[in-house]
PDB file of N, CA and C in Angstrom:
ATOM      1  N   MET A   1       1.646  -8.806  -2.527  1.00  0.00           N
ATOM      2  CA  MET A   1       1.936  -7.389  -2.378  1.00  0.00           C
ATOM      3  C   MET A   1       1.187  -6.647  -3.471  1.00  0.00           C
ATOM      4  N   GLY A   2       0.574  -5.564  -3.106  1.00  0.00           N
ATOM      5  CA  GLY A   2      -0.161  -4.750  -4.063  1.00  0.00           C
ATOM      6  C   GLY A   2      -0.137  -3.304  -3.617  1.00  0.00           C
ATOM      7  N   PRO A   3      -0.823  -2.435  -4.343  1.00  0.00           N
ATOM      8  CA  PRO A   3      -0.763  -1.005  -4.023  1.00  0.00           C
ATOM      9  C   PRO A   3      -1.306  -0.669  -2.640  1.00  0.00           C
ATOM     10  N   GLY A   4      -2.347  -1.356  -2.189  1.00  0.00           N
ATOM     11  CA  GLY A   4      -2.905  -1.071  -0.865  1.00  0.00           C
ATOM     12  C   GLY A   4      -1.948  -1.435   0.249  1.00  0.00           C
ATOM     13  N   LYS A   5      -1.307  -2.580   0.133  1.00  0.00           N
ATOM     14  CA  LYS A   5      -0.339  -2.993   1.148  1.00  0.00           C
ATOM     15  C   LYS A   5       0.882  -2.084   1.125  1.00  0.00           C
ATOM     16  N   ALA A   6       1.304  -1.677  -0.061  1.00  0.00           N
ATOM     17  CA  ALA A   6       2.427  -0.738  -0.152  1.00  0.00           C
ATOM     18  C   ALA A   6       2.062   0.588   0.510  1.00  0.00           C
ATOM     19  N   ASP A   7       0.855   1.067   0.269  1.00  0.00           N
ATOM     20  CA  ASP A   7       0.398   2.307   0.908  1.00  0.00           C
ATOM     21  C   ASP A   7       0.367   2.152   2.427  1.00  0.00           C
ATOM     22  N   LEU A   8      -0.073   0.988   2.902  1.00  0.00           N
ATOM     23  CA  LEU A   8      -0.111   0.738   4.345  1.00  0.00           C
ATOM     24  C   LEU A   8       1.296   0.737   4.928  1.00  0.00           C
ATOM     25  N   LEU A   9       2.242   0.086   4.259  1.00  0.00           N
ATOM     26  CA  LEU A   9       3.629   0.108   4.737  1.00  0.00           C
ATOM     27  C   LEU A   9       4.145   1.539   4.829  1.00  0.00           C
ATOM     28  N   GLU A  10       3.865   2.347   3.811  1.00  0.00           N
ATOM     29  CA  GLU A  10       4.310   3.747   3.833  1.00  0.00           C
ATOM     30  C   GLU A  10       3.669   4.516   4.984  1.00  0.00           C
ATOM     31  N   ALA A  11       2.383   4.261   5.231  1.00  0.00           N
ATOM     32  CA  ALA A  11       1.684   4.953   6.313  1.00  0.00           C
ATOM     33  C   ALA A  11       2.224   4.531   7.680  1.00  0.00           C
ATOM     34  N   ILE A  12       2.549   3.260   7.837  1.00  0.00           N
ATOM     35  CA  ILE A  12       3.144   2.794   9.097  1.00  0.00           C
ATOM     36  C   ILE A  12       4.506   3.434   9.294  1.00  0.00           C
ATOM     37  N   ALA A  13       5.296   3.500   8.231  1.00  0.00           N
ATOM     38  CA  ALA A  13       6.610   4.136   8.321  1.00  0.00           C
ATOM     39  C   ALA A  13       6.481   5.605   8.712  1.00  0.00           C
ATOM     40  N   ALA A  14       5.476   6.277   8.174  1.00  0.00           N
ATOM     41  CA  ALA A  14       5.289   7.707   8.435  1.00  0.00           C
ATOM     42  C   ALA A  14       4.732   7.986   9.834  1.00  0.00           C
ATOM     43  N   THR A  15       3.848   7.102  10.312  1.00  0.00           N
ATOM     44  CA  THR A  15       3.172   7.366  11.584  1.00  0.00           C
ATOM     45  C   THR A  15       3.772   6.626  12.773  1.00  0.00           C
ATOM     46  N   GLY A  16       4.476   5.527  12.507  1.00  0.00           N
ATOM     47  CA  GLY A  16       5.024   4.724  13.594  1.00  0.00           C
ATOM     48  C   GLY A  16       3.965   3.930  14.337  1.00  0.00           C
ATOM     49  N   SER A  17       2.826   3.708  13.673  1.00  0.00           N
ATOM     50  CA  SER A  17       1.712   3.048  14.338  1.00  0.00           C
ATOM     51  C   SER A  17       0.781   2.407  13.317  1.00  0.00           C
ATOM     52  N   ILE A  18       0.356   1.187  13.601  1.00  0.00           N
ATOM     53  CA  ILE A  18      -0.611   0.533  12.719  1.00  0.00           C
ATOM     54  C   ILE A  18      -1.964   1.226  12.836  1.00  0.00           C
ATOM     55  N   SER A  19      -2.368   1.575  14.046  1.00  0.00           N
ATOM     56  CA  SER A  19      -3.683   2.214  14.209  1.00  0.00           C
ATOM     57  C   SER A  19      -3.711   3.596  13.567  1.00  0.00           C
ATOM     58  N   ALA A  20      -2.641   4.369  13.712  1.00  0.00           N
ATOM     59  CA  ALA A  20      -2.599   5.690  13.072  1.00  0.00           C
ATOM     60  C   ALA A  20      -2.565   5.546  11.557  1.00  0.00           C
ATOM     61  N   ALA A  21      -1.840   4.560  11.067  1.00  0.00           N
ATOM     62  CA  ALA A  21      -1.794   4.320   9.617  1.00  0.00           C
ATOM     63  C   ALA A  21      -3.183   3.944   9.104  1.00  0.00           C
ATOM     64  N   ALA A  22      -3.886   3.094   9.866  1.00  0.00           N
ATOM     65  CA  ALA A  22      -5.241   2.692   9.466  1.00  0.00           C
ATOM     66  C   ALA A  22      -6.162   3.904   9.409  1.00  0.00           C
ATOM     67  N   ARG A  23      -6.105   4.752  10.430  1.00  0.00           N
ATOM     68  CA  ARG A  23      -6.943   5.964  10.437  1.00  0.00           C
ATOM     69  C   ARG A  23      -6.617   6.844   9.238  1.00  0.00           C
ATOM     70  N   GLU A  24      -5.340   7.026   8.964  1.00  0.00           N
ATOM     71  CA  GLU A  24      -4.910   7.862   7.837  1.00  0.00           C
ATOM     72  C   GLU A  24      -5.452   7.325   6.517  1.00  0.00           C
ATOM     73  N   MET A  25      -5.560   6.011   6.420  1.00  0.00           N
ATOM     74  CA  MET A  25      -6.018   5.393   5.182  1.00  0.00           C
ATOM     75  C   MET A  25      -7.529   5.161   5.150  1.00  0.00           C
ATOM     76  N   GLY A  26      -8.219   5.464   6.245  1.00  0.00           N
ATOM     77  CA  GLY A  26      -9.664   5.273   6.285  1.00  0.00           C
ATOM     78  C   GLY A  26     -10.076   3.813   6.379  1.00  0.00           C
ATOM     79  N   MET A  27      -9.262   2.985   7.041  1.00  0.00           N
ATOM     80  CA  MET A  27      -9.621   1.577   7.214  1.00  0.00           C
ATOM     81  C   MET A  27      -9.636   1.239   8.697  1.00  0.00           C
ATOM     82  N   SER A  28     -10.248   0.144   9.027  1.00  0.00           N
ATOM     83  CA  SER A  28     -10.307  -0.262  10.428  1.00  0.00           C
ATOM     84  C   SER A  28      -8.938  -0.775  10.873  1.00  0.00           C
ATOM     85  N   TYR A  29      -8.712  -0.671  12.173  1.00  0.00           N
ATOM     86  CA  TYR A  29      -7.474  -1.218  12.739  1.00  0.00           C
ATOM     87  C   TYR A  29      -7.400  -2.708  12.475  1.00  0.00           C
ATOM     88  N   ARG A  30      -8.527  -3.396  12.607  1.00  0.00           N
ATOM     89  CA  ARG A  30      -8.557  -4.851  12.391  1.00  0.00           C
ATOM     90  C   ARG A  30      -8.099  -5.201  10.977  1.00  0.00           C
ATOM     91  N   ARG A  31      -8.596  -4.469   9.990  1.00  0.00           N
ATOM     92  CA  ARG A  31      -8.213  -4.732   8.592  1.00  0.00           C
ATOM     93  C   ARG A  31      -6.724  -4.451   8.388  1.00  0.00           C
ATOM     94  N   ALA A  32      -6.231  -3.354   8.936  1.00  0.00           N
ATOM     95  CA  ALA A  32      -4.806  -3.029   8.803  1.00  0.00           C
ATOM     96  C   ALA A  32      -3.963  -4.118   9.446  1.00  0.00           C
ATOM     97  N   TRP A  33      -4.370  -4.578  10.635  1.00  0.00           N
ATOM     98  CA  TRP A  33      -3.624  -5.621  11.326  1.00  0.00           C
ATOM     99  C   TRP A  33      -3.617  -6.911  10.503  1.00  0.00           C
ATOM    100  N   GLN A  34      -4.754  -7.254   9.896  1.00  0.00           N
ATOM    101  CA  GLN A  34      -4.820  -8.450   9.056  1.00  0.00           C
ATOM    102  C   GLN A  34      -3.863  -8.343   7.863  1.00  0.00           C
ATOM    103  N   LEU A  35      -3.802  -7.169   7.251  1.00  0.00           N
ATOM    104  CA  LEU A  35      -2.893  -6.973   6.118  1.00  0.00           C
ATOM    105  C   LEU A  35      -1.443  -7.092   6.554  1.00  0.00           C
ATOM    106  N   VAL A  36      -1.117  -6.530   7.710  1.00  0.00           N
ATOM    107  CA  VAL A  36       0.248  -6.634   8.236  1.00  0.00           C
ATOM    108  C   VAL A  36       0.589  -8.098   8.516  1.00  0.00           C
ATOM    109  N   GLU A  37      -0.337  -8.815   9.145  1.00  0.00           N
ATOM    110  CA  GLU A  37      -0.114 -10.241   9.434  1.00  0.00           C
ATOM    111  C   GLU A  37       0.130 -11.025   8.147  1.00  0.00           C
ATOM    112  N   THR A  38      -0.681 -10.757   7.130  1.00  0.00           N
ATOM    113  CA  THR A  38      -0.518 -11.441   5.849  1.00  0.00           C
ATOM    114  C   THR A  38       0.848 -11.157   5.245  1.00  0.00           C
ATOM    115  N   MET A  39       1.237  -9.875   5.233  1.00  0.00           N
ATOM    116  CA  MET A  39       2.553  -9.539   4.682  1.00  0.00           C
ATOM    117  C   MET A  39       3.666 -10.224   5.475  1.00  0.00           C
ATOM    118  N   ASN A  40       3.568 -10.190   6.789  1.00  0.00           N
ATOM    119  CA  ASN A  40       4.613 -10.794   7.621  1.00  0.00           C
ATOM    120  C   ASN A  40       4.723 -12.296   7.397  1.00  0.00           C
ATOM    121  N   GLN A  41       3.610 -12.951   7.108  1.00  0.00           N
ATOM    122  CA  GLN A  41       3.629 -14.394   6.877  1.00  0.00           C
ATOM    123  C   GLN A  41       4.109 -14.765   5.478  1.00  0.00           C
ATOM    124  N   CYS A  42       3.944 -13.863   4.529  1.00  0.00           N
ATOM    125  CA  CYS A  42       4.284 -14.163   3.134  1.00  0.00           C
ATOM    126  C   CYS A  42       5.774 -14.008   2.816  1.00  0.00           C
ATOM    127  N   PHE A  43       6.505 -13.328   3.661  1.00  0.00           N
ATOM    128  CA  PHE A  43       7.921 -13.098   3.403  1.00  0.00           C
ATOM    129  C   PHE A  43       8.767 -13.898   4.386  1.00  0.00           C
ATOM    130  N   LEU A  44      10.037 -14.084   4.054  1.00  0.00           N
ATOM    131  CA  LEU A  44      10.934 -14.880   4.888  1.00  0.00           C
ATOM    132  C   LEU A  44      11.093 -14.307   6.293  1.00  0.00           C
ATOM    133  N   MET A  45      10.995 -12.990   6.392  1.00  0.00           N
ATOM    134  CA  MET A  45      11.100 -12.293   7.670  1.00  0.00           C
ATOM    135  C   MET A  45      10.009 -11.231   7.704  1.00  0.00           C
ATOM    136  N   PRO A  46       9.620 -10.752   8.901  1.00  0.00           N
ATOM    137  CA  PRO A  46       8.558  -9.741   8.985  1.00  0.00           C
ATOM    138  C   PRO A  46       8.918  -8.440   8.271  1.00  0.00           C
ATOM    139  N   LEU A  47       7.893  -7.810   7.704  1.00  0.00           N
ATOM    140  CA  LEU A  47       8.058  -6.490   7.093  1.00  0.00           C
ATOM    141  C   LEU A  47       7.753  -5.394   8.105  1.00  0.00           C
ATOM    142  N   VAL A  48       6.924  -5.741   9.111  1.00  0.00           N
ATOM    143  CA  VAL A  48       6.526  -4.795  10.152  1.00  0.00           C
ATOM    144  C   VAL A  48       6.758  -5.452  11.502  1.00  0.00           C
ATOM    145  N   GLU A  49       7.369  -4.715  12.411  1.00  0.00           N
ATOM    146  CA  GLU A  49       7.543  -5.165  13.798  1.00  0.00           C
ATOM    147  C   GLU A  49       6.738  -4.240  14.685  1.00  0.00           C
ATOM    148  N   THR A  50       6.209  -4.782  15.776  1.00  0.00           N
ATOM    149  CA  THR A  50       5.430  -3.983  16.714  1.00  0.00           C
ATOM    150  C   THR A  50       6.100  -3.986  18.074  1.00  0.00           C
ATOM    151  N   ALA A  51       5.816  -2.946  18.847  1.00  0.00           N
ATOM    152  CA  ALA A  51       6.288  -2.836  20.223  1.00  0.00           C
ATOM    153  C   ALA A  51       5.064  -2.798  21.126  1.00  0.00           C
ATOM    154  N   LYS A  52       5.137  -3.492  22.234  1.00  0.00           N
ATOM    155  CA  LYS A  52       4.026  -3.518  23.190  1.00  0.00           C
ATOM    156  C   LYS A  52       3.767  -2.124  23.739  1.00  0.00           C
ATOM    157  N   GLY A  53       2.520  -1.870  24.081  1.00  0.00           N
ATOM    158  CA  GLY A  53       2.146  -0.600  24.693  1.00  0.00           C
ATOM    159  C   GLY A  53       2.652  -0.526  26.123  1.00  0.00           C
ATOM    160  N   GLY A  54       2.341   0.531  26.794  1.00  0.00           N
ATOM    161  CA  GLY A  54       2.795   0.725  28.167  1.00  0.00           C
ATOM    162  C   GLY A  54       2.909   2.201  28.441  1.00  0.00           C
ATOM    163  N   ALA A  55       3.743   2.548  29.395  1.00  0.00           N
ATOM    164  CA  ALA A  55       3.918   3.959  29.768  1.00  0.00           C
ATOM    165  C   ALA A  55       4.367   4.798  28.578  1.00  0.00           C
ATOM    166  N   GLY A  56       5.291   4.273  27.796  1.00  0.00           N
ATOM    167  CA  GLY A  56       5.786   5.002  26.629  1.00  0.00           C
ATOM    168  C   GLY A  56       4.950   4.799  25.390  1.00  0.00           C
ATOM    169  N   GLY A  57       3.937   3.921  25.486  1.00  0.00           N
ATOM    170  CA  GLY A  57       3.094   3.644  24.335  1.00  0.00           C
ATOM    171  C   GLY A  57       3.724   2.593  23.438  1.00  0.00           C
ATOM    172  N   GLY A  58       2.921   2.006  22.617  1.00  0.00           N
ATOM    173  CA  GLY A  58       3.402   0.990  21.685  1.00  0.00           C
ATOM    174  C   GLY A  58       3.797   1.636  20.379  1.00  0.00           C
ATOM    175  N   GLY A  59       3.805   0.862  19.350  1.00  0.00           N
ATOM    176  CA  GLY A  59       4.128   1.414  18.046  1.00  0.00           C
ATOM    177  C   GLY A  59       4.469   0.312  17.077  1.00  0.00           C
ATOM    178  N   ALA A  60       4.816   0.711  15.891  1.00  0.00           N
ATOM    179  CA  ALA A  60       5.188  -0.231  14.840  1.00  0.00           C
ATOM    180  C   ALA A  60       6.205   0.448  13.943  1.00  0.00           C
ATOM    181  N   TYR A  61       7.037  -0.375  13.334  1.00  0.00           N
ATOM    182  CA  TYR A  61       8.018   0.166  12.398  1.00  0.00           C
ATOM    183  C   TYR A  61       8.245  -0.819  11.264  1.00  0.00           C
ATOM    184  N   ILE A  62       8.710  -0.287  10.167  1.00  0.00           N
ATOM    185  CA  ILE A  62       9.027  -1.086   8.999  1.00  0.00           C
ATOM    186  C   ILE A  62      10.446  -1.627   9.178  1.00  0.00           C
ATOM    187  N   THR A  63      10.594  -2.916   9.015  1.00  0.00           N
ATOM    188  CA  THR A  63      11.909  -3.541   9.148  1.00  0.00           C
ATOM    189  C   THR A  63      12.764  -3.214   7.917  1.00  0.00           C
ATOM    190  N   PRO A  64      14.060  -3.479   7.993  1.00  0.00           N
ATOM    191  CA  PRO A  64      14.888  -3.284   6.791  1.00  0.00           C
ATOM    192  C   PRO A  64      14.354  -4.066   5.589  1.00  0.00           C
ATOM    193  N   LEU A  65      13.869  -5.300   5.824  1.00  0.00           N
ATOM    194  CA  LEU A  65      13.286  -6.055   4.712  1.00  0.00           C
ATOM    195  C   LEU A  65      12.031  -5.362   4.199  1.00  0.00           C
ATOM    196  N   GLY A  66      11.216  -4.818   5.114  1.00  0.00           N
ATOM    197  CA  GLY A  66      10.019  -4.088   4.708  1.00  0.00           C
ATOM    198  C   GLY A  66      10.360  -2.885   3.852  1.00  0.00           C
ATOM    199  N   GLU A  67      11.400  -2.159   4.230  1.00  0.00           N
ATOM    200  CA  GLU A  67      11.845  -1.009   3.434  1.00  0.00           C
ATOM    201  C   GLU A  67      12.299  -1.457   2.052  1.00  0.00           C
ATOM    202  N   ASP A  68      13.029  -2.564   2.006  1.00  0.00           N
ATOM    203  CA  ASP A  68      13.517  -3.084   0.727  1.00  0.00           C
ATOM    204  C   ASP A  68      12.358  -3.532  -0.157  1.00  0.00           C
ATOM    205  N   VAL A  69      11.410  -4.266   0.420  1.00  0.00           N
ATOM    206  CA  VAL A  69      10.239  -4.737  -0.339  1.00  0.00           C
ATOM    207  C   VAL A  69       9.444  -3.548  -0.873  1.00  0.00           C
ATOM    208  N   LEU A  70       9.225  -2.552  -0.026  1.00  0.00           N
ATOM    209  CA  LEU A  70       8.478  -1.368  -0.446  1.00  0.00           C
ATOM    210  C   LEU A  70       9.197  -0.642  -1.579  1.00  0.00           C
ATOM    211  N   HIS A  71      10.497  -0.462  -1.440  1.00  0.00           N
ATOM    212  CA  HIS A  71      11.278   0.209  -2.484  1.00  0.00           C
ATOM    213  C   HIS A  71      11.203  -0.573  -3.796  1.00  0.00           C
ATOM    214  N   ARG A  72      11.386  -1.892  -3.723  1.00  0.00           N
ATOM    215  CA  ARG A  72      11.339  -2.714  -4.937  1.00  0.00           C
ATOM    216  C   ARG A  72       9.948  -2.673  -5.583  1.00  0.00           C
ATOM    217  N   TYR A  73       8.899  -2.716  -4.762  1.00  0.00           N
ATOM    218  CA  TYR A  73       7.541  -2.680  -5.294  1.00  0.00           C
ATOM    219  C   TYR A  73       7.285  -1.359  -6.021  1.00  0.00           C
ATOM    220  N   ARG A  74       7.646  -0.248  -5.397  1.00  0.00           N
ATOM    221  CA  ARG A  74       7.433   1.066  -6.031  1.00  0.00           C
ATOM    222  C   ARG A  74       8.259   1.182  -7.316  1.00  0.00           C
ATOM    223  N   PHE A  75       9.456   0.621  -7.338  1.00  0.00           N
ATOM    224  CA  PHE A  75      10.284   0.639  -8.540  1.00  0.00           C
ATOM    225  C   PHE A  75       9.622  -0.169  -9.655  1.00  0.00           C
ATOM    226  N   MET A  76       9.055  -1.334  -9.301  1.00  0.00           N
ATOM    227  CA  MET A  76       8.364  -2.149 -10.304  1.00  0.00           C
ATOM    228  C   MET A  76       7.138  -1.416 -10.846  1.00  0.00           C
ATOM    229  N   GLU A  77       6.396  -0.727  -9.962  1.00  0.00           N
ATOM    230  CA  GLU A  77       5.252   0.072 -10.415  1.00  0.00           C
ATOM    231  C   GLU A  77       5.695   1.123 -11.435  1.00  0.00           C
ATOM    232  N   GLN A  78       6.786   1.807 -11.110  1.00  0.00           N
ATOM    233  CA  GLN A  78       7.294   2.858 -11.988  1.00  0.00           C
ATOM    234  C   GLN A  78       7.714   2.281 -13.342  1.00  0.00           C
ATOM    235  N   LYS A  79       8.427   1.161 -13.329  1.00  0.00           N
ATOM    236  CA  LYS A  79       8.857   0.534 -14.579  1.00  0.00           C
ATOM    237  C   LYS A  79       7.657   0.071 -15.407  1.00  0.00           C
ATOM    238  N   ALA A  80       6.654  -0.475 -14.742  1.00  0.00           N
ATOM    239  CA  ALA A  80       5.459  -0.935 -15.459  1.00  0.00           C
ATOM    240  C   ALA A  80       4.743   0.247 -16.107  1.00  0.00           C
ATOM    241  N   ALA A  81       4.598   1.342 -15.365  1.00  0.00           N
ATOM    242  CA  ALA A  81       3.932   2.530 -15.918  1.00  0.00           C
ATOM    243  C   ALA A  81       4.697   3.089 -17.112  1.00  0.00           C
ATOM    244  N   GLN A  82       6.005   3.123 -17.008  1.00  0.00           N
ATOM    245  CA  GLN A  82       6.821   3.626 -18.114  1.00  0.00           C
ATOM    246  C   GLN A  82       6.702   2.729 -19.345  1.00  0.00           C
ATOM    247  N   SER A  83       6.630   1.419 -19.119  1.00  0.00           N
ATOM    248  CA  SER A  83       6.609   0.495 -20.252  1.00  0.00           C
ATOM    249  C   SER A  83       5.306   0.546 -21.039  1.00  0.00           C
ATOM    250  N   ILE A  84       4.226   1.032 -20.413  1.00  0.00           N
ATOM    251  CA  ILE A  84       2.944   1.097 -21.127  1.00  0.00           C
ATOM    252  C   ILE A  84       2.489   2.526 -21.384  1.00  0.00           C
ATOM    253  N   ALA A  85       3.348   3.486 -21.172  1.00  0.00           N
ATOM    254  CA  ALA A  85       2.957   4.898 -21.298  1.00  0.00           C
ATOM    255  C   ALA A  85       2.391   5.225 -22.679  1.00  0.00           C
ATOM    256  N   THR A  86       3.025   4.773 -23.739  1.00  0.00           N
ATOM    257  CA  THR A  86       2.563   5.070 -25.097  1.00  0.00           C
ATOM    258  C   THR A  86       1.186   4.463 -25.329  1.00  0.00           C
ATOM    259  N   GLU A  87       1.014   3.200 -24.918  1.00  0.00           N
ATOM    260  CA  GLU A  87      -0.274   2.540 -25.093  1.00  0.00           C
ATOM    261  C   GLU A  87      -1.360   3.223 -24.253  1.00  0.00           C
ATOM    262  N   MET A  88      -1.032   3.660 -23.043  1.00  0.00           N
ATOM    263  CA  MET A  88      -2.002   4.348 -22.197  1.00  0.00           C
ATOM    264  C   MET A  88      -2.428   5.668 -22.807  1.00  0.00           C
ATOM    265  N   ASP A  89      -1.480   6.391 -23.407  1.00  0.00           N
ATOM    266  CA  ASP A  89      -1.828   7.647 -24.081  1.00  0.00           C
ATOM    267  C   ASP A  89      -2.805   7.385 -25.225  1.00  0.00           C
ATOM    268  N   ALA A  90      -2.530   6.351 -26.018  1.00  0.00           N
ATOM    269  CA  ALA A  90      -3.414   6.014 -27.133  1.00  0.00           C
ATOM    270  C   ALA A  90      -4.783   5.563 -26.611  1.00  0.00           C
ATOM    271  N   PHE A  91      -4.788   4.773 -25.572  1.00  0.00           N
ATOM    272  CA  PHE A  91      -6.031   4.307 -24.972  1.00  0.00           C
ATOM    273  C   PHE A  91      -6.835   5.481 -24.431  1.00  0.00           C
ATOM    274  N   SER A  92      -6.168   6.380 -23.721  1.00  0.00           N
ATOM    275  CA  SER A  92      -6.835   7.543 -23.139  1.00  0.00           C
ATOM    276  C   SER A  92      -7.454   8.428 -24.213  1.00  0.00           C
ATOM    277  N   ALA A  93      -6.822   8.494 -25.374  1.00  0.00           N
ATOM    278  CA  ALA A  93      -7.338   9.317 -26.473  1.00  0.00           C
ATOM    279  C   ALA A  93      -8.669   8.786 -26.998  1.00  0.00           C
ATOM    280  N   THR A  94      -8.971   7.523 -26.731  1.00  0.00           N
ATOM    281  CA  THR A  94     -10.232   6.951 -27.209  1.00  0.00           C
ATOM    282  C   THR A  94     -11.376   7.153 -26.225  1.00  0.00           C
ATOM    283  N   LEU A  95     -11.089   7.676 -25.040  1.00  0.00           N
ATOM    284  CA  LEU A  95     -12.128   7.866 -24.030  1.00  0.00           C
ATOM    285  C   LEU A  95     -12.901   9.148 -24.270  1.00  0.00           C
ATOM    286  N   SER A  96     -14.162   9.105 -23.950  1.00  0.00           N
ATOM    287  CA  SER A  96     -15.027  10.266 -24.088  1.00  0.00           C
ATOM    288  C   SER A  96     -14.778  11.227 -22.939  1.00  0.00           C
ATOM    289  N   ALA A  97     -14.866  12.511 -23.231  1.00  0.00           N
ATOM    290  CA  ALA A  97     -14.680  13.524 -22.193  1.00  0.00           C
ATOM    291  C   ALA A  97     -16.000  13.832 -21.499  1.00  0.00           C
ATOM    292  N   THR A  98     -17.083  13.221 -21.939  1.00  0.00           N
ATOM    293  CA  THR A  98     -18.402  13.477 -21.342  1.00  0.00           C
ATOM    294  C   THR A  98     -18.790  12.340 -20.401  1.00  0.00           C
ATOM    295  N   GLU A  99     -19.950  12.508 -19.791  1.00  0.00           N
ATOM    296  CA  GLU A  99     -20.485  11.492 -18.888  1.00  0.00           C
ATOM    297  C   GLU A  99     -20.674  10.179 -19.667  1.00  0.00           C
ATOM    298  N   PRO A 100     -20.523   9.056 -18.977  1.00  0.00           N
ATOM    299  CA  PRO A 100     -20.784   7.775 -19.660  1.00  0.00           C
ATOM    300  C   PRO A 100     -22.209   7.708 -20.166  1.00  0.00           C
ATOM    301  N   ARG A 101     -22.357   7.100 -21.326  1.00  0.00           N
ATOM    302  CA  ARG A 101     -23.692   6.919 -21.890  1.00  0.00           C
ATOM    303  C   ARG A 101     -24.403   5.798 -21.153  1.00  0.00           C
ATOM    304  N   SER A 102     -25.694   5.938 -20.956  1.00  0.00           N
ATOM    305  CA  SER A 102     -26.437   4.861 -20.304  1.00  0.00           C
ATOM    306  C   SER A 102     -26.609   3.710 -21.286  1.00  0.00           C
ATOM    307  N   SER A 103     -26.578   2.551 -20.763  1.00  0.00           N
ATOM    308  CA  SER A 103     -26.695   1.365 -21.595  1.00  0.00           C
ATOM    309  C   SER A 103     -28.142   0.903 -21.617  1.00  0.00           C
ATOM    310  N   SER A 104     -28.574   0.409 -22.752  1.00  0.00           N
ATOM    311  CA  SER A 104     -29.943  -0.109 -22.841  1.00  0.00           C
ATOM    312  C   SER A 104     -29.955  -1.605 -22.566  1.00  0.00           C
ATOM    313  N   ILE A 105     -28.836  -2.146 -22.208  1.00  0.00           N
ATOM    314  CA  ILE A 105     -28.744  -3.595 -21.941  1.00  0.00           C
ATOM    315  C   ILE A 105     -29.146  -3.875 -20.508  1.00  0.00           C
TER     316      ILE A 105
END
């Protein structure tokens, strides 16, 4: 699980569709489907379920486990950011505000 997969889960939840989520994120449907397959295989139960197309159209939704995983992941991101905030501020203070210098290497 990483930020891209978390973003994909959020996009699927918002759009109700893997293809719409892929378009929203600027990725191919094939890549989005591969990421969903990987997530579904890595957890005890699927994070995303799909419905077959037809007259009413298909779709996808985040399962309760998917919602829980997404919530826990975002919480861990938030805790990690908070734990390094002071160091990030100090690190950021060392960065130049101008264009990067070209290297002679």
